[in-house]
């Protein structure tokens, strides 16, 4: 596990944990010193003439200059209290540092994990369920902190305390100390070895149930409008409830495995304490002589029992959460990490003065049995309006994703003015683009912040101009009570589908792009509004290259070039009138529209 932790954590984080471990060891030593000081103190309290009977007491008197018994009791009592105070203050400080360091690592780890996911590019998200990623970033990192990092520190602390206490007790009475430790340790180790496989299995089931729990909840809320109409809310509630029940049933079983041994050992410990009392009374010439030894063993037992239990609990917790370490190790060392390093992008300047070229382009998704696009060869001239039409699944959106740089072709190239589109040139190319999908994602924020997304200092002149071009300015400024400061609700719930699409278009225009891509981005608009929006784009944007993906032919009627796709191939290209005149499939599509 330590080897995998080294690959999950940065060297700086790992070193912080090592220093923290040293602090935990110091706490353990100080705690034992405080306990060990009880024995001489109790002997001084119980023996008035100890200065005459004990050599170590005489030497203590010589060092301190104290000869009178009560003064020595007072001084040694104060020293013991001081040691215990120092021990506990150190324990508080190290505990605070432990929380600060481990939760600081948790913060950086979750941020780094999200960055690594984002660095794998768009194709990674096509093959992953977003709920699984959310659970890892939001919850499993916290579980890693509480179930791995903190238990490791606890394990070091408890082992240190237990070993030093054992050494102390062995010095006082070797036979009793060794026999006691062997008895207690054998109980805990036996239970751990017997149940460790179950602990790991329960950990795997917990993560799986947690993913199903999150998935059911997020799916329910994302489609709540339709699900209420269909009256199937109960289906999602049942799925969530079943996963939540399985998740909640796991925790009591883990508790039983980790907590039950302590209950057994407490019975043994109390019985042992009574036996020890009787033993010391009969072997140490009475209770008064036995009292210091009895006090030491009682205090040591109070510390030893939780220490052994703590070692067992920490080991069990680590075993239960071992699969989290495995998964994080795999994610942190994935070969695709950093393939599109968005946090350290170097924007190689790229110009677009002439054309976009797709040459001999073929693309196939990982899960597909056949290519989605085959041997695509087209040129898009700067300033043109180019449209892609075709039935669902014909490859229209995939072409757009390749042009944008979200996907990379297996065969063929995408060029911008003869500049090959690669991992190095994509970031610079995307600076010139704006992309509006069919399903525009709005955040629970103001309309202004949704349009100027990612910008701290909003240019309101540019914002208003973008809204006017998108034909949404009048609605925002005249019909909404707070204008551009109106919040749109979660996923834009307080605006219509058409209004959402026009806000998305305004967001794209705010970037002042050279290439604007509308992927079914006007599908929620009526024909008149769509025509007004497209006309406004023509009138208010100069030298804008417009790429349209649409089902409705009215959307692409005025395009300079229309490419018709079927089964991943371009079967016809031309203007609307040319295709209507010469292409049978296009004429049939026109009749349906």
Protein backbone atom coordinates (compact mmCIF):
# COMPACT_ATOMS: atom_id res chain seq x y z
CA UNK A 1 0.00 0.00 0.00
CA UNK A 2 2.86 2.40 0.80
CA UNK A 3 4.28 1.91 -2.70
CA UNK A 4 0.93 2.84 -4.24
CA UNK A 5 0.57 5.81 -1.90
CA UNK A 6 3.86 7.14 -3.26
CA UNK A 7 2.35 7.16 -6.76
CA UNK A 8 -0.91 8.76 -5.58
CA UNK A 9 0.63 11.54 -3.48
CA UNK A 10 3.17 14.11 -4.59
CA UNK A 11 6.67 13.88 -3.02
CA UNK A 12 5.88 16.98 -0.95
CA UNK A 13 2.65 15.46 0.36
CA UNK A 14 4.36 12.17 1.16
CA UNK A 15 7.11 14.00 3.06
CA UNK A 16 4.49 15.92 5.05
CA UNK A 17 2.98 12.61 6.10
CA UNK A 18 6.41 11.32 7.13
CA UNK A 19 7.06 14.35 9.33
CA UNK A 20 3.56 14.03 10.71
CA UNK A 21 4.29 10.40 11.54
CA UNK A 22 7.37 11.51 13.48
CA UNK A 23 5.20 13.91 15.47
CA UNK A 24 2.76 11.08 16.19
CA UNK A 25 5.65 8.97 17.52
CA UNK A 26 6.76 11.82 19.81
CA UNK A 27 3.21 12.05 21.17
CA UNK A 28 3.28 8.33 21.95
CA UNK A 29 6.61 8.62 23.76
CA UNK A 30 5.48 11.61 25.83
CA UNK A 31 2.28 9.81 26.75
CA UNK A 32 4.22 6.82 28.05
CA UNK A 33 6.65 9.06 29.95
CA UNK A 34 3.68 10.65 31.70
CA UNK A 35 2.31 7.24 32.64
CA UNK A 36 5.74 5.96 33.73
CA UNK A 37 6.15 8.91 36.07
CA UNK A 38 3.12 7.70 38.05
CA UNK A 39 5.04 4.73 39.53
CA UNK A 40 7.79 6.71 41.37
CA UNK A 41 5.24 9.34 42.40
CA UNK A 42 2.96 6.75 43.98
CA UNK A 43 5.93 5.11 45.73
CA UNK A 44 6.91 8.49 47.18
CA UNK A 45 3.32 9.09 48.32
CA UNK A 46 3.06 5.68 49.97
CA UNK A 47 6.45 5.64 51.71
CA UNK A 48 7.21 8.44 54.18
CA UNK A 49 10.78 7.28 54.79
CA UNK A 50 11.56 6.61 51.14
CA UNK A 51 14.61 8.88 51.30
CA UNK A 52 16.24 6.38 53.63
CA UNK A 53 14.99 3.21 51.90
CA UNK A 54 15.44 4.00 48.19
CA UNK A 55 18.64 4.94 46.40
CA UNK A 56 16.83 6.58 43.46
CA UNK A 57 14.77 8.71 45.90
CA UNK A 58 17.96 9.78 47.64
CA UNK A 59 19.55 10.77 44.33
CA UNK A 60 16.37 12.67 43.42
CA UNK A 61 16.62 14.55 46.72
CA UNK A 62 20.26 15.39 46.02
CA UNK A 63 19.40 16.75 42.58
CA UNK A 64 16.41 18.82 43.71
CA UNK A 65 17.70 19.76 47.15
CA UNK A 66 14.42 18.55 48.69
CA UNK A 67 14.66 16.37 51.79
CA UNK A 68 11.28 16.74 53.45
CA UNK A 69 8.70 14.06 52.40
CA UNK A 70 5.71 16.34 51.84
CA UNK A 71 7.78 18.77 49.80
CA UNK A 72 9.02 15.89 47.66
CA UNK A 73 5.43 14.67 47.14
CA UNK A 74 4.43 18.17 46.11
CA UNK A 75 7.37 18.58 43.72
CA UNK A 76 7.06 15.18 42.07
CA UNK A 77 3.27 15.59 41.81
CA UNK A 78 3.76 18.93 40.06
CA UNK A 79 6.32 17.32 37.73
CA UNK A 80 3.92 14.51 36.82
CA UNK A 81 1.13 17.01 36.11
CA UNK A 82 3.56 19.04 34.00
CA UNK A 83 4.57 15.97 32.00
CA UNK A 84 0.96 14.96 31.43
CA UNK A 85 0.09 18.55 30.45
CA UNK A 86 2.98 18.68 28.00
CA UNK A 87 1.95 15.31 26.60
CA UNK A 88 -1.66 16.38 26.05
CA UNK A 89 -0.79 19.79 24.63
CA UNK A 90 1.58 18.09 22.18
CA UNK A 91 -1.17 15.61 21.39
CA UNK A 92 -3.62 18.43 20.65
CA UNK A 93 -1.12 20.23 18.41
CA UNK A 94 -0.12 17.09 16.49
CA UNK A 95 -3.81 16.16 16.14
CA UNK A 96 -4.54 19.61 14.69
CA UNK A 97 -1.59 19.28 12.30
CA UNK A 98 -2.80 15.82 11.35
CA UNK A 99 -6.23 17.16 10.37
CA UNK A 100 -4.74 20.15 8.56
CA UNK A 101 -2.21 18.12 6.58
CA UNK A 102 -4.50 15.21 5.69
CA UNK A 103 -7.45 17.36 4.68
CA UNK A 104 -5.10 19.65 2.78
CA UNK A 105 -3.91 16.58 0.89
CA UNK A 106 -7.56 15.63 0.34
CA UNK A 107 -8.24 19.02 -1.24
CA UNK A 108 -5.22 18.87 -3.53
CA UNK A 109 -5.88 15.24 -4.41
CA UNK A 110 -9.49 15.84 -5.46
CA UNK A 111 -8.42 18.86 -7.51
CA UNK A 112 -5.57 16.90 -9.09
CA UNK A 113 -7.80 13.92 -9.86
CA UNK A 114 -10.35 16.16 -11.60
CA UNK A 115 -7.54 17.80 -13.56
CA UNK A 116 -6.28 14.39 -14.67
CA UNK A 117 -9.76 13.39 -15.82
CA UNK A 118 -10.06 16.62 -17.79
CA UNK A 119 -6.58 16.13 -19.26
CA UNK A 120 -7.64 12.88 -20.95
CA UNK A 121 -9.77 14.72 -23.46
CA UNK A 122 -13.37 14.52 -24.62
CA UNK A 123 -13.20 10.90 -25.79
CA UNK A 124 -12.54 9.77 -22.22
CA UNK A 125 -15.91 11.13 -21.08
CA UNK A 126 -17.69 9.31 -23.90
CA UNK A 127 -16.72 5.98 -22.36
CA UNK A 128 -17.22 6.86 -18.69
CA UNK A 129 -20.32 7.26 -16.57
CA UNK A 130 -20.14 10.77 -15.12
CA UNK A 131 -21.68 9.60 -11.83
CA UNK A 132 -18.75 7.29 -11.18
CA UNK A 133 -16.34 10.18 -11.71
CA UNK A 134 -18.39 12.49 -9.48
CA UNK A 135 -18.45 9.93 -6.67
CA UNK A 136 -14.67 9.51 -6.84
CA UNK A 137 -13.89 13.23 -6.91
CA UNK A 138 -16.47 14.30 -4.32
CA UNK A 139 -16.82 11.41 -1.90
CA UNK A 140 -14.23 8.69 -2.37
CA UNK A 141 -11.38 11.18 -1.93
CA UNK A 142 -12.88 12.06 1.47
CA UNK A 143 -13.15 8.35 2.25
CA UNK A 144 -9.50 7.97 1.21
CA UNK A 145 -8.65 10.68 3.76
CA UNK A 146 -10.70 9.26 6.62
CA UNK A 147 -10.21 5.61 5.68
CA UNK A 148 -6.55 5.53 4.63
CA UNK A 149 -4.46 8.61 5.51
CA UNK A 150 -5.81 9.14 9.03
CA UNK A 151 -5.81 5.38 9.92
CA UNK A 152 -2.14 5.17 8.84
CA UNK A 153 -1.29 7.95 11.29
CA UNK A 154 -3.42 6.28 13.94
CA UNK A 155 -1.67 2.98 13.31
CA UNK A 156 1.75 4.58 13.80
CA UNK A 157 0.59 6.37 16.94
CA UNK A 158 -1.03 3.33 18.55
CA UNK A 159 1.81 0.95 17.67
CA UNK A 160 4.34 3.38 19.17
CA UNK A 161 2.31 3.80 22.34
CA UNK A 162 1.70 0.07 22.64
CA UNK A 163 5.37 -0.92 22.15
CA UNK A 164 6.76 1.66 24.56
CA UNK A 165 4.14 0.74 27.17
CA UNK A 166 5.06 -2.91 26.68
CA UNK A 167 8.74 -2.10 27.26
CA UNK A 168 7.84 -0.17 30.42
CA UNK A 169 5.68 -2.98 31.78
CA UNK A 170 8.30 -5.57 30.84
CA UNK A 171 10.91 -3.73 32.90
CA UNK A 172 8.56 -3.81 35.90
CA UNK A 173 7.29 -7.38 35.48
CA UNK A 174 8.42 -9.23 32.32
CA UNK A 175 6.33 -12.39 32.69
CA UNK A 176 3.07 -10.55 33.31
CA UNK A 177 3.67 -8.02 30.49
CA UNK A 178 4.56 -10.64 27.86
CA UNK A 179 1.69 -12.97 28.74
CA UNK A 180 -0.83 -10.10 28.72
CA UNK A 181 0.36 -8.77 25.36
CA UNK A 182 0.35 -12.22 23.75
CA UNK A 183 -3.18 -12.88 24.95
CA UNK A 184 -4.61 -9.57 23.73
CA UNK A 185 -2.67 -9.52 20.47
CA UNK A 186 -3.67 -13.08 19.57
CA UNK A 187 -7.35 -12.19 19.93
CA UNK A 188 -7.13 -9.15 17.65
CA UNK A 189 -4.81 -10.71 15.08
CA UNK A 190 -6.94 -13.84 14.91
CA UNK A 191 -10.12 -11.86 14.28
CA UNK A 192 -8.39 -9.64 11.71
CA UNK A 193 -6.97 -12.57 9.73
CA UNK A 194 -10.34 -14.31 9.84
CA UNK A 195 -12.34 -11.28 8.62
CA UNK A 196 -9.92 -9.35 6.38
CA UNK A 197 -11.30 -10.80 3.12
CA UNK A 198 -14.81 -9.83 4.16
CA UNK A 199 -13.62 -6.30 4.98
CA UNK A 200 -12.22 -5.85 1.46
CA UNK A 201 -15.37 -7.28 -0.13
CA UNK A 202 -17.51 -4.94 1.93
CA UNK A 203 -15.37 -2.04 0.74
CA UNK A 204 -15.97 -2.96 -2.90
CA UNK A 205 -19.71 -3.34 -2.30
CA UNK A 206 -19.83 0.03 -0.51
CA UNK A 207 -18.33 1.86 -3.49
CA UNK A 208 -20.61 0.08 -5.98
CA UNK A 209 -23.72 0.81 -3.89
CA UNK A 210 -22.65 4.43 -3.48
CA UNK A 211 -22.30 4.86 -7.25
CA UNK A 212 -25.78 3.39 -7.80
CA UNK A 213 -27.17 5.66 -5.09
CA UNK A 214 -25.72 8.80 -6.70
CA UNK A 215 -26.69 7.68 -10.20
CA UNK A 216 -30.33 7.10 -9.30
CA UNK A 217 -30.57 10.47 -7.58
CA UNK A 218 -28.88 12.48 -10.33
CA UNK A 219 -30.85 10.76 -13.09
CA UNK A 220 -34.09 11.44 -11.24
CA UNK A 221 -33.36 15.15 -10.76
CA UNK A 222 -32.02 15.65 -14.29
CA UNK A 223 -35.25 14.34 -15.85
CA UNK A 224 -37.73 15.27 -13.12
CA UNK A 225 -40.10 17.11 -15.47
CA UNK A 226 -40.66 14.16 -17.81
CA UNK A 227 -40.64 11.60 -15.01
CA UNK A 228 -43.43 13.38 -13.14
CA UNK A 229 -45.49 13.45 -16.33
CA UNK A 230 -44.79 9.74 -16.93
CA UNK A 231 -45.57 9.09 -13.24
CA UNK A 232 -42.43 6.99 -12.83
CA UNK A 233 -40.86 8.88 -9.95
CA UNK A 234 -41.47 5.80 -7.85
CA UNK A 235 -39.19 3.74 -10.11
CA UNK A 236 -36.22 6.01 -9.44
CA UNK A 237 -37.14 6.29 -5.77
CA UNK A 238 -37.11 2.49 -5.53
CA UNK A 239 -33.70 2.28 -7.24
CA UNK A 240 -32.27 4.91 -4.92
CA UNK A 241 -33.81 3.34 -1.84
CA UNK A 242 -32.46 -0.12 -2.70
CA UNK A 243 -28.92 1.22 -3.25
CA UNK A 244 -29.11 3.37 -0.12
CA UNK A 245 -30.30 0.37 1.90
CA UNK A 246 -27.41 -1.77 0.66
CA UNK A 247 -24.96 1.05 1.43
CA UNK A 248 -26.35 1.55 4.93
CA UNK A 249 -26.38 -2.19 5.68
CA UNK A 250 -22.63 -2.40 5.05
CA UNK A 251 -21.64 0.06 7.78
CA UNK A 252 -23.07 -1.93 10.74
CA UNK A 253 -21.26 -5.04 9.50
CA UNK A 254 -17.97 -3.14 9.35
CA UNK A 255 -18.64 -1.74 12.83
CA UNK A 256 -19.32 -5.21 14.18
CA UNK A 257 -16.04 -6.54 12.78
CA UNK A 258 -13.98 -3.63 14.12
CA UNK A 259 -15.71 -2.97 17.45
CA UNK A 260 -16.65 -6.45 18.71
CA UNK A 261 -13.09 -7.47 19.68
CA UNK A 262 -12.86 -4.59 22.12
CA UNK A 263 -15.94 -5.79 23.97
CA UNK A 264 -14.41 -9.24 24.34
CA UNK A 265 -11.06 -7.87 25.45
CA UNK A 266 -12.64 -5.53 28.01
CA UNK A 267 -14.07 -8.57 29.78
CA UNK A 268 -10.64 -10.13 29.82
CA UNK A 269 -9.02 -6.85 30.90
CA UNK A 270 -11.33 -6.25 33.86
CA UNK A 271 -10.95 -9.85 34.93
CA UNK A 272 -7.21 -9.50 34.59
CA UNK A 273 -7.18 -6.30 36.64
CA UNK A 274 -8.98 -8.04 39.49
CA UNK A 275 -6.59 -10.98 39.23
CA UNK A 276 -3.62 -8.61 39.17
CA UNK A 277 -4.88 -6.82 42.27
CA UNK A 278 -5.13 -10.08 44.17
CA UNK A 279 -1.72 -11.17 42.87
CA UNK A 280 0.01 -7.95 43.89
CA UNK A 281 -1.61 -7.89 47.31
CA UNK A 282 -0.28 -11.39 48.06
CA UNK A 283 3.16 -10.94 46.46
CA UNK A 284 3.96 -7.33 47.41
CA UNK A 285 3.31 -7.63 51.13
CA UNK A 286 -0.03 -5.91 51.34
CA UNK A 287 -2.12 -3.36 49.53
CA UNK A 288 0.01 -0.38 50.50
CA UNK A 289 3.09 -1.93 48.90
CA UNK A 290 1.08 -3.07 45.89
CA UNK A 291 -0.65 0.26 45.30
CA UNK A 292 2.08 1.93 43.16
CA UNK A 293 2.41 -1.16 40.94
CA UNK A 294 -1.35 -1.55 40.73
CA UNK A 295 -1.77 2.10 39.78
CA UNK A 296 0.84 1.77 37.04
CA UNK A 297 -0.81 -1.31 35.55
CA UNK A 298 -4.26 0.26 35.79
CA UNK A 299 -3.14 3.41 33.95
CA UNK A 300 -1.13 1.36 31.46
CA UNK A 301 -4.16 -0.84 30.86
CA UNK A 302 -6.33 2.21 30.28
CA UNK A 303 -3.90 3.29 27.56
CA UNK A 304 -2.91 -0.15 26.28
CA UNK A 305 -6.39 -1.46 25.62
CA UNK A 306 -7.48 1.45 23.37
CA UNK A 307 -4.03 1.31 21.70
CA UNK A 308 -4.45 -2.35 20.74
CA UNK A 309 -8.04 -1.69 19.69
CA UNK A 310 -6.83 1.33 17.72
CA UNK A 311 -4.25 -0.80 15.88
CA UNK A 312 -6.93 -3.33 15.01
CA UNK A 313 -9.44 -0.67 13.94
CA UNK A 314 -6.86 1.16 11.82
CA UNK A 315 -5.73 -2.07 10.15
CA UNK A 316 -9.35 -3.10 9.51
CA UNK A 317 -10.21 0.33 8.12
CA UNK A 318 -7.20 0.22 5.81
CA UNK A 319 -8.22 -3.22 4.63
CA UNK A 320 -11.80 -2.10 4.08
CA UNK A 321 -10.64 0.86 1.97
CA UNK A 322 -7.75 -0.84 0.16
CA UNK A 323 -9.71 -0.86 -3.10
CA UNK A 324 -9.87 2.96 -3.00
CA UNK A 325 -6.08 3.03 -3.00
CA UNK A 326 -6.05 0.60 -5.94
CA UNK A 327 -8.49 2.71 -7.95
CA UNK A 328 -6.72 5.99 -7.22
CA UNK A 329 -3.38 4.40 -8.08
CA UNK A 330 -4.80 3.32 -11.43
CA UNK A 331 -6.36 6.74 -12.13
CA UNK A 332 -3.27 8.68 -11.10
CA UNK A 333 -1.02 6.57 -13.35
CA UNK A 334 -3.31 6.18 -16.37
CA UNK A 335 -1.37 6.30 -19.67
CA UNK A 336 -3.75 8.96 -21.07
CA UNK A 337 -3.15 11.38 -18.20
CA UNK A 338 -1.90 14.69 -19.52
CA UNK A 339 -2.84 14.00 -23.14
CA UNK A 340 -4.58 17.42 -23.18
CA UNK A 341 -3.05 19.21 -20.17
CA UNK A 342 -5.55 22.04 -19.81
CA UNK A 343 -3.90 23.49 -16.66
CA UNK A 344 -0.60 24.05 -18.47
CA UNK A 345 -1.74 24.66 -22.01
CA UNK A 346 0.72 26.48 -24.22
CA UNK A 347 -1.27 28.36 -26.81
CA UNK A 348 0.66 28.06 -30.03
CA UNK A 349 -0.78 30.92 -32.12
CA UNK A 350 -2.72 29.72 -35.12
CA UNK A 351 -4.22 31.84 -37.87
CA UNK A 352 -7.26 31.22 -39.99
CA UNK A 353 -7.24 33.19 -43.22
CA UNK A 354 -8.22 30.74 -45.94
CA UNK A 355 -9.84 27.40 -45.24
CA UNK A 356 -10.49 24.39 -43.02
CA UNK A 357 -9.56 21.12 -44.72
CA UNK A 358 -10.71 17.60 -43.86
CA UNK A 359 -8.59 15.20 -45.90
CA UNK A 360 -9.09 11.40 -46.18
CA UNK A 361 -10.68 11.51 -42.74
CA UNK A 362 -11.95 8.32 -41.07
CA UNK A 363 -13.11 8.04 -37.48
CA UNK A 364 -14.43 5.15 -35.39
CA UNK A 365 -15.53 5.25 -31.74
CA UNK A 366 -13.94 2.70 -29.40
CA UNK A 367 -17.23 0.95 -28.71
CA UNK A 368 -18.46 1.01 -32.33
CA UNK A 369 -18.32 -2.00 -34.63
CA UNK A 370 -17.71 0.10 -37.75
CA UNK A 371 -16.44 3.61 -38.60
CA UNK A 372 -18.78 6.53 -37.95
CA UNK A 373 -17.09 8.53 -40.74
CA UNK A 374 -15.31 7.15 -43.78
CA UNK A 375 -12.98 8.96 -46.21
CA UNK A 376 -14.29 12.51 -45.69
CA UNK A 377 -12.75 15.13 -47.98
CA UNK A 378 -14.09 18.69 -47.77
CA UNK A 379 -12.89 22.30 -47.70
CA UNK A 380 -14.60 25.05 -45.69
CA UNK A 381 -13.58 28.49 -46.93
CA UNK A 382 -13.22 31.38 -44.52
CA UNK A 383 -16.44 33.44 -44.36
CA UNK A 384 -18.60 30.65 -45.76
CA UNK A 385 -21.77 29.28 -44.24
CA UNK A 386 -21.46 25.51 -44.47
CA UNK A 387 -24.14 23.05 -43.38
CA UNK A 388 -24.18 19.33 -42.64
CA UNK A 389 -27.47 17.48 -42.90
CA UNK A 390 -28.51 13.86 -42.71
CA UNK A 391 -30.44 11.38 -40.63
CA UNK A 392 -29.64 10.65 -37.00
CA UNK A 393 -26.40 8.71 -36.72
CA UNK A 394 -25.10 9.76 -40.12
CA UNK A 395 -22.01 11.41 -38.56
CA UNK A 396 -22.88 15.12 -38.59
CA UNK A 397 -21.96 15.89 -34.98
CA UNK A 398 -18.84 13.71 -35.20
CA UNK A 399 -17.54 15.88 -38.06
CA UNK A 400 -18.09 18.94 -35.88
CA UNK A 401 -16.28 17.33 -32.94
CA UNK A 402 -13.31 16.60 -35.21
CA UNK A 403 -13.26 20.18 -36.54
CA UNK A 404 -13.41 21.57 -33.00
CA UNK A 405 -10.59 19.27 -31.87
CA UNK A 406 -12.61 17.29 -29.33
CA UNK A 407 -11.89 14.08 -31.27
CA UNK A 408 -8.87 12.97 -33.27
CA UNK A 409 -9.21 10.96 -36.51
CA UNK A 410 -7.66 7.50 -36.75
CA UNK A 411 -7.01 8.09 -40.45
CA UNK A 412 -6.64 11.39 -42.27
CA UNK A 413 -6.07 14.93 -41.03
CA UNK A 414 -7.77 18.21 -40.18
CA UNK A 415 -5.85 21.29 -41.35
CA UNK A 416 -6.28 25.00 -40.76
CA UNK A 417 -4.64 26.95 -43.60
CA UNK A 418 -2.37 23.92 -44.21
CA UNK A 419 -1.48 23.84 -40.48
CA UNK A 420 -2.05 20.33 -39.15
CA UNK A 421 -4.45 20.18 -36.20
CA UNK A 422 -2.53 18.39 -33.43
CA UNK A 423 -2.45 18.30 -29.63
CA UNK A 424 -0.13 21.32 -29.74
CA UNK A 425 -2.21 23.42 -32.13
CA UNK A 426 -5.72 22.51 -30.89
CA UNK A 427 -5.69 24.95 -27.89
CA UNK A 428 -4.75 27.87 -30.15
CA UNK A 429 -7.37 26.82 -32.71
CA UNK A 430 -10.08 26.58 -30.06
CA UNK A 431 -9.36 30.20 -29.10
CA UNK A 432 -10.84 31.17 -32.47
CA UNK A 433 -13.97 29.02 -32.09
CA UNK A 434 -17.35 29.22 -30.46
CA UNK A 435 -19.56 26.16 -30.21
CA UNK A 436 -23.27 25.98 -29.41
CA UNK A 437 -24.68 22.46 -28.85
CA UNK A 438 -28.33 21.47 -29.07
CA UNK A 439 -28.58 21.05 -25.30
CA UNK A 440 -27.16 24.28 -23.90
CA UNK A 441 -26.01 23.90 -20.30
CA UNK A 442 -26.95 26.86 -18.10
CA UNK A 443 -25.82 27.21 -14.51
CA UNK A 444 -27.81 28.37 -11.51
CA UNK A 445 -26.46 31.90 -11.84
CA UNK A 446 -27.38 35.21 -13.46
CA UNK A 447 -27.93 35.47 -17.19
CA UNK A 448 -24.95 37.83 -17.41
CA UNK A 449 -22.64 35.30 -15.79
CA UNK A 450 -24.07 32.52 -17.98
CA UNK A 451 -23.30 34.50 -21.13
CA UNK A 452 -19.85 35.77 -20.05
CA UNK A 453 -18.97 32.44 -18.50
CA UNK A 454 -15.47 32.15 -17.08
CA UNK A 455 -14.95 35.94 -17.14
CA UNK A 456 -14.54 37.93 -13.92
CA UNK A 457 -14.70 41.41 -15.45
CA UNK A 458 -17.74 41.43 -17.77
CA UNK A 459 -17.75 43.75 -20.78
CA UNK A 460 -21.41 44.77 -20.73
CA UNK A 461 -21.26 46.52 -24.11
CA UNK A 462 -20.09 43.29 -25.70
CA UNK A 463 -22.60 41.35 -23.58
CA UNK A 464 -25.54 43.44 -24.77
CA UNK A 465 -24.41 43.29 -28.40
CA UNK A 466 -24.12 39.48 -28.18
CA UNK A 467 -27.63 39.27 -26.70
CA UNK A 468 -29.04 41.50 -29.45
CA UNK A 469 -27.43 39.43 -32.19
CA UNK A 470 -28.84 36.28 -30.57
CA UNK A 471 -32.30 37.94 -30.57
CA UNK A 472 -32.65 37.56 -26.78
CA UNK A 473 -31.88 41.13 -25.61
CA UNK A 474 -35.48 42.40 -25.58
CA UNK A 475 -36.71 39.39 -23.62
CA UNK A 476 -34.00 39.78 -20.99
CA UNK A 477 -34.17 43.54 -20.59
CA UNK A 478 -37.96 44.00 -20.85
CA UNK A 479 -39.62 40.83 -19.56
CA UNK A 480 -37.33 39.66 -16.77
CA UNK A 481 -37.64 41.54 -13.47
CA UNK A 482 -33.89 41.78 -12.86
CA UNK A 483 -32.78 41.89 -16.47
CA UNK A 484 -29.33 40.42 -16.96
CA UNK A 485 -29.08 39.86 -13.19
CA UNK A 486 -31.94 37.36 -13.27
CA UNK A 487 -30.96 33.87 -12.15
CA UNK A 488 -31.99 31.09 -14.52
CA UNK A 489 -32.27 28.25 -11.98
CA UNK A 490 -30.66 24.83 -12.07
CA UNK A 491 -29.87 23.85 -15.69
CA UNK A 492 -31.84 26.90 -16.84
CA UNK A 493 -35.15 25.64 -15.44
CA UNK A 494 -36.69 29.15 -15.40
CA UNK A 495 -36.32 29.78 -19.13
CA UNK A 496 -37.76 27.96 -22.12
CA UNK A 497 -35.81 25.69 -24.44
CA UNK A 498 -35.69 28.35 -27.15
CA UNK A 499 -34.58 31.05 -24.72
CA UNK A 500 -31.92 28.71 -23.39
CA UNK A 501 -30.57 28.15 -26.91
CA UNK A 502 -30.45 31.88 -27.62
CA UNK A 503 -28.61 32.50 -24.34
CA UNK A 504 -26.17 29.80 -25.44
CA UNK A 505 -25.75 31.59 -28.78
CA UNK A 506 -25.11 34.89 -26.98
CA UNK A 507 -22.48 33.08 -24.87
CA UNK A 508 -20.75 31.98 -28.07
CA UNK A 509 -20.91 35.44 -29.66
CA UNK A 510 -19.47 37.05 -26.51
CA UNK A 511 -16.20 35.28 -27.37
CA UNK A 512 -16.06 37.18 -30.70
CA UNK A 513 -15.23 33.99 -32.62
CA UNK A 514 -13.90 33.67 -36.12
CA UNK A 515 -15.68 30.33 -36.52
CA UNK A 516 -19.14 29.72 -35.07
CA UNK A 517 -20.49 26.17 -34.92
CA UNK A 518 -24.19 25.59 -34.33
CA UNK A 519 -24.88 21.90 -33.66
CA UNK A 520 -28.69 21.75 -33.81
CA UNK A 521 -28.45 24.94 -31.77
CA UNK A 522 -31.68 26.42 -33.14
CA UNK A 523 -33.80 23.27 -33.01
CA UNK A 524 -35.96 24.65 -30.16
CA UNK A 525 -36.80 27.85 -32.06
CA UNK A 526 -39.80 28.34 -34.28
CA UNK A 527 -39.11 28.94 -37.96
CA UNK A 528 -39.60 32.72 -37.76
CA UNK A 529 -37.36 33.19 -34.73
CA UNK A 530 -34.73 30.91 -36.23
CA UNK A 531 -34.72 32.93 -39.45
CA UNK A 532 -34.43 36.18 -37.47
CA UNK A 533 -31.48 34.79 -35.48
CA UNK A 534 -29.63 33.57 -38.59
CA UNK A 535 -30.32 36.85 -40.40
CA UNK A 536 -29.02 38.78 -37.40
CA UNK A 537 -25.83 36.70 -37.51
CA UNK A 538 -25.35 37.56 -41.17
CA UNK A 539 -25.89 41.28 -40.54
CA UNK A 540 -23.84 41.70 -37.36
CA UNK A 541 -20.81 39.49 -37.95
CA UNK A 542 -18.13 40.13 -40.53
CA UNK A 543 -15.98 37.38 -42.03
CA UNK A 544 -17.61 34.87 -39.67
CA UNK A 545 -17.34 31.27 -40.79
CA UNK A 546 -20.59 29.57 -39.83
CA UNK A 547 -20.88 25.79 -39.59
CA UNK A 548 -24.40 24.44 -39.17
CA UNK A 549 -25.65 21.00 -38.21
CA UNK A 550 -29.39 20.68 -38.68
CA UNK A 551 -32.29 18.41 -39.42
CA UNK A 552 -34.60 21.15 -40.72
CA UNK A 553 -33.78 22.25 -44.25
CA UNK A 554 -35.16 25.73 -43.51
CA UNK A 555 -32.19 26.22 -41.22
CA UNK A 556 -29.67 25.62 -44.01
CA UNK A 557 -31.54 27.09 -46.96
CA UNK A 558 -29.16 30.04 -47.31
CA UNK A 559 -25.94 28.11 -46.68
CA UNK A 560 -23.18 28.52 -49.26
CA UNK A 561 -22.52 24.77 -49.24
CA UNK A 562 -24.63 21.91 -47.90
CA UNK A 563 -23.02 18.52 -47.33
CA UNK A 564 -25.43 15.62 -47.14
CA UNK A 565 -24.27 12.62 -45.07
CA UNK A 566 -25.46 9.06 -45.07
CA UNK A 567 -23.86 6.16 -43.18
CA UNK A 568 -20.76 8.22 -42.41
CA UNK A 569 -20.13 9.30 -46.01
CA UNK A 570 -20.82 12.50 -47.92
CA UNK A 571 -23.23 11.48 -50.66
CA UNK A 572 -23.91 14.97 -52.07
CA UNK A 573 -22.70 18.57 -51.77
CA UNK A 574 -23.93 21.86 -53.16
CA UNK A 575 -26.26 24.78 -52.61
CA UNK A 576 -29.85 24.27 -51.54
CA UNK A 577 -31.20 24.89 -55.05
CA UNK A 578 -28.57 22.66 -56.69
CA UNK A 579 -29.29 19.74 -54.39
CA UNK A 580 -33.02 20.23 -54.72
CA UNK A 581 -32.65 20.07 -58.48
CA UNK A 582 -30.19 17.17 -58.80
CA UNK A 583 -30.44 14.96 -55.70
CA UNK A 584 -33.39 12.63 -55.16
CA UNK A 585 -32.72 12.02 -51.44
CA UNK A 586 -32.53 15.77 -50.84
CA UNK A 587 -35.83 16.35 -52.64
CA UNK A 588 -37.48 13.69 -50.51
CA UNK A 589 -36.07 15.30 -47.37
CA UNK A 590 -37.34 18.70 -48.56
CA UNK A 591 -40.85 17.31 -48.96
CA UNK A 592 -40.77 15.92 -45.42
CA UNK A 593 -39.66 19.30 -44.09
